[in-house]
Amino acid sequence: MDGRSKEEVLEQLLEEVGNLLEELCQSGFDTVHDSTLEALGNMAGLTAQYGMAYLSGLLGELAEGLSMRRHRLEQDGDGLAGVYARLNEYLYLCEEKTVYDRGRAYYNCSLL
């Protein structure tokens, strides 16, 4: 790492994923830009490198589903809304955990 704590690195990574999801929410699932699909794929790879297999899998599933959706006439029932919801829930839980970890680290250091 570059001198940042693991919490700082994780917070930056989660913020980037959150920004991608926000961009996707604004554009909609039917008009996804190529750059957004590429960024989702890249983020899936990066999160895999950090050992975040569940997050990586969800991002990959979303990117693949959105890419496939471009070639379908019928788009109901593809489950992408559920994947999107699980991603948002996962981000929320990770952000909460980093807050708790920072608090624990602060109080553990102040006890020394």
PDB file of N, CA and C in Angstrom:
ATOM      1  N   MET A   1       0.845  -1.182   0.000  1.00  0.00           N
ATOM      2  CA  MET A   1       0.000   0.000   0.000  1.00  0.00           C
ATOM      3  C   MET A   1       0.884   1.238   0.000  1.00  0.00           C
ATOM      4  N   ASP A   2       0.300   2.377  -0.031  1.00  0.00           N
ATOM      5  CA  ASP A   2       1.034   3.630  -0.150  1.00  0.00           C
ATOM      6  C   ASP A   2       1.014   4.444   1.142  1.00  0.00           C
ATOM      7  N   GLY A   3       1.094   3.771   2.276  1.00  0.00           N
ATOM      8  CA  GLY A   3       1.106   4.447   3.554  1.00  0.00           C
ATOM      9  C   GLY A   3      -0.275   4.689   4.141  1.00  0.00           C
ATOM     10  N   ARG A   4      -1.306   4.334   3.411  1.00  0.00           N
ATOM     11  CA  ARG A   4      -2.663   4.500   3.929  1.00  0.00           C
ATOM     12  C   ARG A   4      -3.053   3.255   4.714  1.00  0.00           C
ATOM     13  N   SER A   5      -3.962   3.443   5.651  1.00  0.00           N
ATOM     14  CA  SER A   5      -4.443   2.298   6.424  1.00  0.00           C
ATOM     15  C   SER A   5      -5.357   1.454   5.546  1.00  0.00           C
ATOM     16  N   LYS A   6      -5.605   0.232   5.995  1.00  0.00           N
ATOM     17  CA  LYS A   6      -6.491  -0.639   5.221  1.00  0.00           C
ATOM     18  C   LYS A   6      -7.894  -0.057   5.150  1.00  0.00           C
ATOM     19  N   GLU A   7      -8.306   0.638   6.195  1.00  0.00           N
ATOM     20  CA  GLU A   7      -9.625   1.270   6.198  1.00  0.00           C
ATOM     21  C   GLU A   7      -9.718   2.369   5.147  1.00  0.00           C
ATOM     22  N   GLU A   8      -8.638   3.147   5.013  1.00  0.00           N
ATOM     23  CA  GLU A   8      -8.617   4.214   4.009  1.00  0.00           C
ATOM     24  C   GLU A   8      -8.666   3.649   2.595  1.00  0.00           C
ATOM     25  N   VAL A   9      -7.917   2.590   2.358  1.00  0.00           N
ATOM     26  CA  VAL A   9      -7.917   1.951   1.045  1.00  0.00           C
ATOM     27  C   VAL A   9      -9.291   1.381   0.742  1.00  0.00           C
ATOM     28  N   LEU A  10      -9.880   0.710   1.721  1.00  0.00           N
ATOM     29  CA  LEU A  10     -11.199   0.129   1.541  1.00  0.00           C
ATOM     30  C   LEU A  10     -12.249   1.207   1.308  1.00  0.00           C
ATOM     31  N   GLU A  11     -12.182   2.298   2.057  1.00  0.00           N
ATOM     32  CA  GLU A  11     -13.135   3.385   1.875  1.00  0.00           C
ATOM     33  C   GLU A  11     -13.049   3.971   0.471  1.00  0.00           C
ATOM     34  N   GLN A  12     -11.840   4.139  -0.040  1.00  0.00           N
ATOM     35  CA  GLN A  12     -11.655   4.672  -1.406  1.00  0.00           C
ATOM     36  C   GLN A  12     -12.230   3.704  -2.426  1.00  0.00           C
ATOM     37  N   LEU A  13     -11.954   2.430  -2.254  1.00  0.00           N
ATOM     38  CA  LEU A  13     -12.460   1.414  -3.170  1.00  0.00           C
ATOM     39  C   LEU A  13     -13.990   1.374  -3.149  1.00  0.00           C
ATOM     40  N   LEU A  14     -14.561   1.406  -1.972  1.00  0.00           N
ATOM     41  CA  LEU A  14     -16.023   1.391  -1.850  1.00  0.00           C
ATOM     42  C   LEU A  14     -16.643   2.656  -2.436  1.00  0.00           C
ATOM     43  N   GLU A  15     -15.972   3.769  -2.276  1.00  0.00           N
ATOM     44  CA  GLU A  15     -16.469   5.019  -2.857  1.00  0.00           C
ATOM     45  C   GLU A  15     -16.486   4.935  -4.382  1.00  0.00           C
ATOM     46  N   GLU A  16     -15.455   4.345  -4.946  1.00  0.00           N
ATOM     47  CA  GLU A  16     -15.392   4.197  -6.403  1.00  0.00           C
ATOM     48  C   GLU A  16     -16.494   3.275  -6.909  1.00  0.00           C
ATOM     49  N   VAL A  17     -16.734   2.186  -6.196  1.00  0.00           N
ATOM     50  CA  VAL A  17     -17.819   1.275  -6.578  1.00  0.00           C
ATOM     51  C   VAL A  17     -19.152   1.999  -6.434  1.00  0.00           C
ATOM     52  N   GLY A  18     -19.336   2.739  -5.360  1.00  0.00           N
ATOM     53  CA  GLY A  18     -20.562   3.497  -5.154  1.00  0.00           C
ATOM     54  C   GLY A  18     -20.798   4.515  -6.257  1.00  0.00           C
ATOM     55  N   ASN A  19     -19.733   5.166  -6.706  1.00  0.00           N
ATOM     56  CA  ASN A  19     -19.852   6.127  -7.801  1.00  0.00           C
ATOM     57  C   ASN A  19     -20.299   5.441  -9.085  1.00  0.00           C
ATOM     58  N   LEU A  20     -19.764   4.265  -9.334  1.00  0.00           N
ATOM     59  CA  LEU A  20     -20.186   3.498 -10.512  1.00  0.00           C
ATOM     60  C   LEU A  20     -21.665   3.138 -10.433  1.00  0.00           C
ATOM     61  N   LEU A  21     -22.103   2.700  -9.268  1.00  0.00           N
ATOM     62  CA  LEU A  21     -23.510   2.339  -9.101  1.00  0.00           C
ATOM     63  C   LEU A  21     -24.407   3.566  -9.235  1.00  0.00           C
ATOM     64  N   GLU A  22     -23.948   4.702  -8.745  1.00  0.00           N
ATOM     65  CA  GLU A  22     -24.720   5.938  -8.883  1.00  0.00           C
ATOM     66  C   GLU A  22     -24.830   6.331 -10.355  1.00  0.00           C
ATOM     67  N   GLU A  23     -23.735   6.214 -11.068  1.00  0.00           N
ATOM     68  CA  GLU A  23     -23.738   6.507 -12.502  1.00  0.00           C
ATOM     69  C   GLU A  23     -24.712   5.595 -13.233  1.00  0.00           C
ATOM     70  N   LEU A  24     -24.712   4.334 -12.854  1.00  0.00           N
ATOM     71  CA  LEU A  24     -25.617   3.363 -13.454  1.00  0.00           C
ATOM     72  C   LEU A  24     -27.070   3.703 -13.124  1.00  0.00           C
ATOM     73  N   CYS A  25     -27.316   4.119 -11.919  1.00  0.00           N
ATOM     74  CA  CYS A  25     -28.666   4.500 -11.506  1.00  0.00           C
ATOM     75  C   CYS A  25     -29.153   5.697 -12.317  1.00  0.00           C
ATOM     76  N   GLN A  26     -28.270   6.645 -12.569  1.00  0.00           N
ATOM     77  CA  GLN A  26     -28.646   7.841 -13.310  1.00  0.00           C
ATOM     78  C   GLN A  26     -28.885   7.547 -14.784  1.00  0.00           C
ATOM     79  N   SER A  27     -28.083   6.649 -15.363  1.00  0.00           N
ATOM     80  CA  SER A  27     -28.237   6.355 -16.790  1.00  0.00           C
ATOM     81  C   SER A  27     -29.333   5.327 -17.042  1.00  0.00           C
ATOM     82  N   GLY A  28     -29.574   4.469 -16.059  1.00  0.00           N
ATOM     83  CA  GLY A  28     -30.556   3.404 -16.232  1.00  0.00           C
ATOM     84  C   GLY A  28     -29.906   2.151 -16.787  1.00  0.00           C
ATOM     85  N   PHE A  29     -30.566   1.037 -16.594  1.00  0.00           N
ATOM     86  CA  PHE A  29     -30.017  -0.239 -17.038  1.00  0.00           C
ATOM     87  C   PHE A  29     -30.099  -0.405 -18.555  1.00  0.00           C
ATOM     88  N   ASP A  30     -30.947   0.375 -19.204  1.00  0.00           N
ATOM     89  CA  ASP A  30     -31.162   0.194 -20.639  1.00  0.00           C
ATOM     90  C   ASP A  30     -30.235   1.048 -21.496  1.00  0.00           C
ATOM     91  N   THR A  31     -29.602   2.039 -20.923  1.00  0.00           N
ATOM     92  CA  THR A  31     -28.732   2.935 -21.691  1.00  0.00           C
ATOM     93  C   THR A  31     -27.348   3.023 -21.054  1.00  0.00           C
ATOM     94  N   VAL A  32     -26.765   1.896 -20.791  1.00  0.00           N
ATOM     95  CA  VAL A  32     -25.461   1.853 -20.117  1.00  0.00           C
ATOM     96  C   VAL A  32     -24.369   2.193 -21.118  1.00  0.00           C
ATOM     97  N   HIS A  33     -23.510   3.109 -20.727  1.00  0.00           N
ATOM     98  CA  HIS A  33     -22.395   3.510 -21.577  1.00  0.00           C
ATOM     99  C   HIS A  33     -21.322   2.420 -21.597  1.00  0.00           C
ATOM    100  N   ASP A  34     -20.609   2.330 -22.697  1.00  0.00           N
ATOM    101  CA  ASP A  34     -19.513   1.372 -22.799  1.00  0.00           C
ATOM    102  C   ASP A  34     -18.472   1.606 -21.708  1.00  0.00           C
ATOM    103  N   SER A  35     -18.230   2.873 -21.400  1.00  0.00           N
ATOM    104  CA  SER A  35     -17.225   3.193 -20.377  1.00  0.00           C
ATOM    105  C   SER A  35     -17.665   2.690 -19.001  1.00  0.00           C
ATOM    106  N   THR A  36     -18.974   2.719 -18.740  1.00  0.00           N
ATOM    107  CA  THR A  36     -19.481   2.217 -17.464  1.00  0.00           C
ATOM    108  C   THR A  36     -19.317   0.708 -17.380  1.00  0.00           C
ATOM    109  N   LEU A  37     -19.622   0.014 -18.465  1.00  0.00           N
ATOM    110  CA  LEU A  37     -19.430  -1.446 -18.486  1.00  0.00           C
ATOM    111  C   LEU A  37     -17.961  -1.804 -18.308  1.00  0.00           C
ATOM    112  N   GLU A  38     -17.094  -1.061 -18.961  1.00  0.00           N
ATOM    113  CA  GLU A  38     -15.657  -1.314 -18.828  1.00  0.00           C
ATOM    114  C   GLU A  38     -15.191  -1.047 -17.389  1.00  0.00           C
ATOM    115  N   ALA A  39     -15.691   0.031 -16.798  1.00  0.00           N
ATOM    116  CA  ALA A  39     -15.316   0.365 -15.423  1.00  0.00           C
ATOM    117  C   ALA A  39     -15.814  -0.700 -14.447  1.00  0.00           C
ATOM    118  N   LEU A  40     -17.024  -1.228 -14.675  1.00  0.00           N
ATOM    119  CA  LEU A  40     -17.538  -2.303 -13.819  1.00  0.00           C
ATOM    120  C   LEU A  40     -16.643  -3.533 -13.909  1.00  0.00           C
ATOM    121  N   GLY A  41     -16.241  -3.883 -15.123  1.00  0.00           N
ATOM    122  CA  GLY A  41     -15.344  -5.030 -15.310  1.00  0.00           C
ATOM    123  C   GLY A  41     -14.002  -4.817 -14.640  1.00  0.00           C
ATOM    124  N   ASN A  42     -13.463  -3.605 -14.795  1.00  0.00           N
ATOM    125  CA  ASN A  42     -12.176  -3.285 -14.160  1.00  0.00           C
ATOM    126  C   ASN A  42     -12.280  -3.334 -12.639  1.00  0.00           C
ATOM    127  N   MET A  43     -13.384  -2.825 -12.124  1.00  0.00           N
ATOM    128  CA  MET A  43     -13.576  -2.819 -10.671  1.00  0.00           C
ATOM    129  C   MET A  43     -13.762  -4.247 -10.156  1.00  0.00           C
ATOM    130  N   ALA A  44     -14.410  -5.098 -10.939  1.00  0.00           N
ATOM    131  CA  ALA A  44     -14.548  -6.507 -10.551  1.00  0.00           C
ATOM    132  C   ALA A  44     -13.167  -7.147 -10.429  1.00  0.00           C
ATOM    133  N   GLY A  45     -12.283  -6.842 -11.362  1.00  0.00           N
ATOM    134  CA  GLY A  45     -10.919  -7.364 -11.304  1.00  0.00           C
ATOM    135  C   GLY A  45     -10.138  -6.823 -10.119  1.00  0.00           C
ATOM    136  N   LEU A  46     -10.273  -5.533  -9.870  1.00  0.00           N
ATOM    137  CA  LEU A  46      -9.546  -4.907  -8.761  1.00  0.00           C
ATOM    138  C   LEU A  46     -10.011  -5.443  -7.415  1.00  0.00           C
ATOM    139  N   THR A  47     -11.318  -5.578  -7.245  1.00  0.00           N
ATOM    140  CA  THR A  47     -11.817  -6.101  -5.972  1.00  0.00           C
ATOM    141  C   THR A  47     -11.419  -7.560  -5.783  1.00  0.00           C
ATOM    142  N   ALA A  48     -11.309  -8.297  -6.875  1.00  0.00           N
ATOM    143  CA  ALA A  48     -10.818  -9.676  -6.776  1.00  0.00           C
ATOM    144  C   ALA A  48      -9.370  -9.691  -6.295  1.00  0.00           C
ATOM    145  N   GLN A  49      -8.569  -8.756  -6.792  1.00  0.00           N
ATOM    146  CA  GLN A  49      -7.172  -8.668  -6.357  1.00  0.00           C
ATOM    147  C   GLN A  49      -7.065  -8.354  -4.870  1.00  0.00           C
ATOM    148  N   TYR A  50      -8.007  -7.602  -4.356  1.00  0.00           N
ATOM    149  CA  TYR A  50      -8.020  -7.266  -2.928  1.00  0.00           C
ATOM    150  C   TYR A  50      -8.638  -8.368  -2.086  1.00  0.00           C
ATOM    151  N   GLY A  51      -9.051  -9.457  -2.706  1.00  0.00           N
ATOM    152  CA  GLY A  51      -9.605 -10.583  -1.967  1.00  0.00           C
ATOM    153  C   GLY A  51     -11.073 -10.441  -1.633  1.00  0.00           C
ATOM    154  N   MET A  52     -11.756  -9.562  -2.312  1.00  0.00           N
ATOM    155  CA  MET A  52     -13.175  -9.325  -2.068  1.00  0.00           C
ATOM    156  C   MET A  52     -13.986 -10.085  -3.113  1.00  0.00           C
ATOM    157  N   ALA A  53     -13.976 -11.399  -2.980  1.00  0.00           N
ATOM    158  CA  ALA A  53     -14.561 -12.278  -3.998  1.00  0.00           C
ATOM    159  C   ALA A  53     -16.058 -12.048  -4.176  1.00  0.00           C
ATOM    160  N   TYR A  54     -16.785 -11.846  -3.100  1.00  0.00           N
ATOM    161  CA  TYR A  54     -18.233 -11.648  -3.200  1.00  0.00           C
ATOM    162  C   TYR A  54     -18.545 -10.371  -3.976  1.00  0.00           C
ATOM    163  N   LEU A  55     -17.878  -9.276  -3.622  1.00  0.00           N
ATOM    164  CA  LEU A  55     -18.082  -8.008  -4.317  1.00  0.00           C
ATOM    165  C   LEU A  55     -17.669  -8.132  -5.774  1.00  0.00           C
ATOM    166  N   SER A  56     -16.551  -8.763  -6.019  1.00  0.00           N
ATOM    167  CA  SER A  56     -16.080  -8.968  -7.384  1.00  0.00           C
ATOM    168  C   SER A  56     -17.089  -9.762  -8.204  1.00  0.00           C
ATOM    169  N   GLY A  57     -17.632 -10.807  -7.604  1.00  0.00           N
ATOM    170  CA  GLY A  57     -18.615 -11.627  -8.293  1.00  0.00           C
ATOM    171  C   GLY A  57     -19.875 -10.851  -8.634  1.00  0.00           C
ATOM    172  N   LEU A  58     -20.343 -10.036  -7.701  1.00  0.00           N
ATOM    173  CA  LEU A  58     -21.537  -9.221  -7.957  1.00  0.00           C
ATOM    174  C   LEU A  58     -21.282  -8.203  -9.067  1.00  0.00           C
ATOM    175  N   LEU A  59     -20.123  -7.566  -9.030  1.00  0.00           N
ATOM    176  CA  LEU A  59     -19.800  -6.590 -10.069  1.00  0.00           C
ATOM    177  C   LEU A  59     -19.691  -7.264 -11.437  1.00  0.00           C
ATOM    178  N   GLY A  60     -19.050  -8.423 -11.468  1.00  0.00           N
ATOM    179  CA  GLY A  60     -18.938  -9.165 -12.721  1.00  0.00           C
ATOM    180  C   GLY A  60     -20.291  -9.603 -13.239  1.00  0.00           C
ATOM    181  N   GLU A  61     -21.147 -10.071 -12.335  1.00  0.00           N
ATOM    182  CA  GLU A  61     -22.494 -10.498 -12.715  1.00  0.00           C
ATOM    183  C   GLU A  61     -23.301  -9.321 -13.272  1.00  0.00           C
ATOM    184  N   LEU A  62     -23.167  -8.168 -12.634  1.00  0.00           N
ATOM    185  CA  LEU A  62     -23.877  -6.984 -13.101  1.00  0.00           C
ATOM    186  C   LEU A  62     -23.362  -6.547 -14.467  1.00  0.00           C
ATOM    187  N   ALA A  63     -22.054  -6.502 -14.628  1.00  0.00           N
ATOM    188  CA  ALA A  63     -21.479  -6.085 -15.914  1.00  0.00           C
ATOM    189  C   ALA A  63     -21.891  -7.036 -17.032  1.00  0.00           C
ATOM    190  N   GLU A  64     -21.818  -8.320 -16.763  1.00  0.00           N
ATOM    191  CA  GLU A  64     -22.196  -9.306 -17.779  1.00  0.00           C
ATOM    192  C   GLU A  64     -23.689  -9.206 -18.108  1.00  0.00           C
ATOM    193  N   GLY A  65     -24.517  -9.069 -17.090  1.00  0.00           N
ATOM    194  CA  GLY A  65     -25.952  -8.960 -17.308  1.00  0.00           C
ATOM    195  C   GLY A  65     -26.325  -7.718 -18.090  1.00  0.00           C
ATOM    196  N   LEU A  66     -25.681  -6.598 -17.773  1.00  0.00           N
ATOM    197  CA  LEU A  66     -25.963  -5.365 -18.500  1.00  0.00           C
ATOM    198  C   LEU A  66     -25.509  -5.463 -19.949  1.00  0.00           C
ATOM    199  N   SER A  67     -24.401  -6.104 -20.162  1.00  0.00           N
ATOM    200  CA  SER A  67     -23.908  -6.303 -21.525  1.00  0.00           C
ATOM    201  C   SER A  67     -24.854  -7.194 -22.325  1.00  0.00           C
ATOM    202  N   MET A  68     -25.326  -8.258 -21.696  1.00  0.00           N
ATOM    203  CA  MET A  68     -26.255  -9.168 -22.370  1.00  0.00           C
ATOM    204  C   MET A  68     -27.610  -8.504 -22.605  1.00  0.00           C
ATOM    205  N   ARG A  69     -27.983  -7.619 -21.740  1.00  0.00           N
ATOM    206  CA  ARG A  69     -29.281  -6.962 -21.827  1.00  0.00           C
ATOM    207  C   ARG A  69     -29.396  -6.134 -23.108  1.00  0.00           C
ATOM    208  N   ARG A  70     -28.282  -5.647 -23.594  1.00  0.00           N
ATOM    209  CA  ARG A  70     -28.288  -4.867 -24.827  1.00  0.00           C
ATOM    210  C   ARG A  70     -28.812  -5.670 -26.020  1.00  0.00           C
ATOM    211  N   HIS A  71     -28.689  -6.980 -25.941  1.00  0.00           N
ATOM    212  CA  HIS A  71     -29.024  -7.835 -27.074  1.00  0.00           C
ATOM    213  C   HIS A  71     -30.357  -8.539 -26.913  1.00  0.00           C
ATOM    214  N   ARG A  72     -31.124  -8.156 -25.918  1.00  0.00           N
ATOM    215  CA  ARG A  72     -32.421  -8.781 -25.672  1.00  0.00           C
ATOM    216  C   ARG A  72     -33.541  -7.782 -25.892  1.00  0.00           C
ATOM    217  N   LEU A  73     -34.640  -8.292 -26.384  1.00  0.00           N
ATOM    218  CA  LEU A  73     -35.832  -7.455 -26.483  1.00  0.00           C
ATOM    219  C   LEU A  73     -36.591  -7.448 -25.167  1.00  0.00           C
ATOM    220  N   GLU A  74     -36.700  -8.609 -24.549  1.00  0.00           N
ATOM    221  CA  GLU A  74     -37.387  -8.761 -23.273  1.00  0.00           C
ATOM    222  C   GLU A  74     -36.364  -8.610 -22.147  1.00  0.00           C
ATOM    223  N   GLN A  75     -36.587  -7.645 -21.253  1.00  0.00           N
ATOM    224  CA  GLN A  75     -35.594  -7.382 -20.222  1.00  0.00           C
ATOM    225  C   GLN A  75     -36.103  -7.641 -18.814  1.00  0.00           C
ATOM    226  N   ASP A  76     -37.340  -8.017 -18.693  1.00  0.00           N
ATOM    227  CA  ASP A  76     -37.868  -8.350 -17.376  1.00  0.00           C
ATOM    228  C   ASP A  76     -37.377  -9.728 -16.959  1.00  0.00           C
ATOM    229  N   GLY A  77     -37.199  -9.901 -15.691  1.00  0.00           N
ATOM    230  CA  GLY A  77     -36.841 -11.214 -15.168  1.00  0.00           C
ATOM    231  C   GLY A  77     -35.383 -11.595 -15.307  1.00  0.00           C
ATOM    232  N   ASP A  78     -34.514 -10.624 -15.635  1.00  0.00           N
ATOM    233  CA  ASP A  78     -33.101 -10.983 -15.755  1.00  0.00           C
ATOM    234  C   ASP A  78     -32.359 -10.885 -14.424  1.00  0.00           C
ATOM    235  N   GLY A  79     -33.025 -10.392 -13.384  1.00  0.00           N
ATOM    236  CA  GLY A  79     -32.446 -10.386 -12.048  1.00  0.00           C
ATOM    237  C   GLY A  79     -31.445  -9.285 -11.770  1.00  0.00           C
ATOM    238  N   LEU A  80     -31.256  -8.351 -12.701  1.00  0.00           N
ATOM    239  CA  LEU A  80     -30.246  -7.315 -12.499  1.00  0.00           C
ATOM    240  C   LEU A  80     -30.607  -6.351 -11.372  1.00  0.00           C
ATOM    241  N   ALA A  81     -31.876  -6.104 -11.168  1.00  0.00           N
ATOM    242  CA  ALA A  81     -32.281  -5.230 -10.058  1.00  0.00           C
ATOM    243  C   ALA A  81     -31.881  -5.858  -8.723  1.00  0.00           C
ATOM    244  N   GLY A  82     -32.009  -7.166  -8.617  1.00  0.00           N
ATOM    245  CA  GLY A  82     -31.610  -7.864  -7.399  1.00  0.00           C
ATOM    246  C   GLY A  82     -30.113  -7.796  -7.170  1.00  0.00           C
ATOM    247  N   VAL A  83     -29.339  -7.948  -8.236  1.00  0.00           N
ATOM    248  CA  VAL A  83     -27.879  -7.836  -8.124  1.00  0.00           C
ATOM    249  C   VAL A  83     -27.499  -6.425  -7.690  1.00  0.00           C
ATOM    250  N   TYR A  84     -28.149  -5.444  -8.303  1.00  0.00           N
ATOM    251  CA  TYR A  84     -27.891  -4.047  -7.956  1.00  0.00           C
ATOM    252  C   TYR A  84     -28.211  -3.789  -6.477  1.00  0.00           C
ATOM    253  N   ALA A  85     -29.332  -4.322  -6.017  1.00  0.00           N
ATOM    254  CA  ALA A  85     -29.721  -4.151  -4.609  1.00  0.00           C
ATOM    255  C   ALA A  85     -28.724  -4.835  -3.680  1.00  0.00           C
ATOM    256  N   ARG A  86     -28.269  -6.043  -4.027  1.00  0.00           N
ATOM    257  CA  ARG A  86     -27.267  -6.726  -3.185  1.00  0.00           C
ATOM    258  C   ARG A  86     -25.957  -5.946  -3.138  1.00  0.00           C
ATOM    259  N   LEU A  87     -25.581  -5.351  -4.261  1.00  0.00           N
ATOM    260  CA  LEU A  87     -24.366  -4.535  -4.287  1.00  0.00           C
ATOM    261  C   LEU A  87     -24.495  -3.337  -3.350  1.00  0.00           C
ATOM    262  N   ASN A  88     -25.618  -2.657  -3.409  1.00  0.00           N
ATOM    263  CA  ASN A  88     -25.823  -1.504  -2.533  1.00  0.00           C
ATOM    264  C   ASN A  88     -25.827  -1.907  -1.065  1.00  0.00           C
ATOM    265  N   GLU A  89     -26.459  -3.028  -0.763  1.00  0.00           N
ATOM    266  CA  GLU A  89     -26.478  -3.511   0.617  1.00  0.00           C
ATOM    267  C   GLU A  89     -25.067  -3.875   1.079  1.00  0.00           C
ATOM    268  N   TYR A  90     -24.307  -4.534   0.225  1.00  0.00           N
ATOM    269  CA  TYR A  90     -22.942  -4.914   0.558  1.00  0.00           C
ATOM    270  C   TYR A  90     -22.087  -3.672   0.829  1.00  0.00           C
ATOM    271  N   LEU A  91     -22.221  -2.651  -0.018  1.00  0.00           N
ATOM    272  CA  LEU A  91     -21.461  -1.416   0.184  1.00  0.00           C
ATOM    273  C   LEU A  91     -21.808  -0.773   1.520  1.00  0.00           C
ATOM    274  N   TYR A  92     -23.092  -0.740   1.834  1.00  0.00           N
ATOM    275  CA  TYR A  92     -23.526  -0.165   3.098  1.00  0.00           C
ATOM    276  C   TYR A  92     -22.908  -0.912   4.281  1.00  0.00           C
ATOM    277  N   LEU A  93     -22.960  -2.227   4.242  1.00  0.00           N
ATOM    278  CA  LEU A  93     -22.415  -3.027   5.342  1.00  0.00           C
ATOM    279  C   LEU A  93     -20.906  -2.863   5.457  1.00  0.00           C
ATOM    280  N   CYS A  94     -20.214  -2.789   4.333  1.00  0.00           N
ATOM    281  CA  CYS A  94     -18.759  -2.582   4.366  1.00  0.00           C
ATOM    282  C   CYS A  94     -18.417  -1.217   4.954  1.00  0.00           C
ATOM    283  N   GLU A  95     -19.164  -0.201   4.569  1.00  0.00           N
ATOM    284  CA  GLU A  95     -18.912   1.133   5.101  1.00  0.00           C
ATOM    285  C   GLU A  95     -19.145   1.174   6.607  1.00  0.00           C
ATOM    286  N   GLU A  96     -20.188   0.508   7.058  1.00  0.00           N
ATOM    287  CA  GLU A  96     -20.446   0.438   8.495  1.00  0.00           C
ATOM    288  C   GLU A  96     -19.306  -0.274   9.217  1.00  0.00           C
ATOM    289  N   LYS A  97     -18.822  -1.356   8.642  1.00  0.00           N
ATOM    290  CA  LYS A  97     -17.735  -2.115   9.266  1.00  0.00           C
ATOM    291  C   LYS A  97     -16.462  -1.278   9.362  1.00  0.00           C
ATOM    292  N   THR A  98     -16.149  -0.513   8.331  1.00  0.00           N
ATOM    293  CA  THR A  98     -14.940   0.306   8.403  1.00  0.00           C
ATOM    294  C   THR A  98     -15.061   1.370   9.485  1.00  0.00           C
ATOM    295  N   VAL A  99     -16.248   1.899   9.681  1.00  0.00           N
ATOM    296  CA  VAL A  99     -16.461   2.878  10.757  1.00  0.00           C
ATOM    297  C   VAL A  99     -16.213   2.218  12.115  1.00  0.00           C
ATOM    298  N   TYR A 100     -16.750   1.019  12.298  1.00  0.00           N
ATOM    299  CA  TYR A 100     -16.548   0.302  13.561  1.00  0.00           C
ATOM    300  C   TYR A 100     -15.077  -0.062  13.755  1.00  0.00           C
ATOM    301  N   ASP A 101     -14.418  -0.483  12.679  1.00  0.00           N
ATOM    302  CA  ASP A 101     -13.001  -0.837  12.780  1.00  0.00           C
ATOM    303  C   ASP A 101     -12.153   0.375  13.156  1.00  0.00           C
ATOM    304  N   ARG A 102     -12.478   1.513  12.564  1.00  0.00           N
ATOM    305  CA  ARG A 102     -11.742   2.733  12.913  1.00  0.00           C
ATOM    306  C   ARG A 102     -11.958   3.093  14.385  1.00  0.00           C
ATOM    307  N   GLY A 103     -13.181   2.971  14.846  1.00  0.00           N
ATOM    308  CA  GLY A 103     -13.474   3.254  16.248  1.00  0.00           C
ATOM    309  C   GLY A 103     -12.742   2.321  17.185  1.00  0.00           C
ATOM    310  N   ARG A 104     -12.746   1.043  16.843  1.00  0.00           N
ATOM    311  CA  ARG A 104     -12.049   0.059  17.665  1.00  0.00           C
ATOM    312  C   ARG A 104     -10.551   0.371  17.701  1.00  0.00           C
ATOM    313  N   ALA A 105      -9.980   0.688  16.542  1.00  0.00           N
ATOM    314  CA  ALA A 105      -8.552   1.001  16.484  1.00  0.00           C
ATOM    315  C   ALA A 105      -8.235   2.250  17.299  1.00  0.00           C
ATOM    316  N   TYR A 106      -9.104   3.242  17.236  1.00  0.00           N
ATOM    317  CA  TYR A 106      -8.896   4.465  17.997  1.00  0.00           C
ATOM    318  C   TYR A 106      -8.891   4.192  19.497  1.00  0.00           C
ATOM    319  N   TYR A 107      -9.877   3.447  19.949  1.00  0.00           N
ATOM    320  CA  TYR A 107      -9.964   3.196  21.382  1.00  0.00           C
ATOM    321  C   TYR A 107      -8.918   2.217  21.862  1.00  0.00           C
ATOM    322  N   ASN A 108      -8.497   1.290  21.010  1.00  0.00           N
ATOM    323  CA  ASN A 108      -7.412   0.377  21.396  1.00  0.00           C
ATOM    324  C   ASN A 108      -6.106   1.144  21.518  1.00  0.00           C
ATOM    325  N   CYS A 109      -5.856   2.093  20.624  1.00  0.00           N
ATOM    326  CA  CYS A 109      -4.622   2.875  20.692  1.00  0.00           C
ATOM    327  C   CYS A 109      -4.631   3.825  21.896  1.00  0.00           C
ATOM    328  N   SER A 110      -5.779   4.381  22.227  1.00  0.00           N
ATOM    329  CA  SER A 110      -5.840   5.331  23.338  1.00  0.00           C
ATOM    330  C   SER A 110      -5.735   4.620  24.695  1.00  0.00           C
ATOM    331  N   LEU A 111      -5.953   3.306  24.716  1.00  0.00           N
ATOM    332  CA  LEU A 111      -5.809   2.559  25.960  1.00  0.00           C
ATOM    333  C   LEU A 111      -4.355   2.209  26.261  1.00  0.00           C
ATOM    334  N   LEU A 112      -3.512   2.279  25.228  1.00  0.00           N
ATOM    335  CA  LEU A 112      -2.104   1.907  25.420  1.00  0.00           C
ATOM    336  C   LEU A 112      -1.338   2.922  26.147  1.00  0.00           C
TER     337      LEU A 112
END
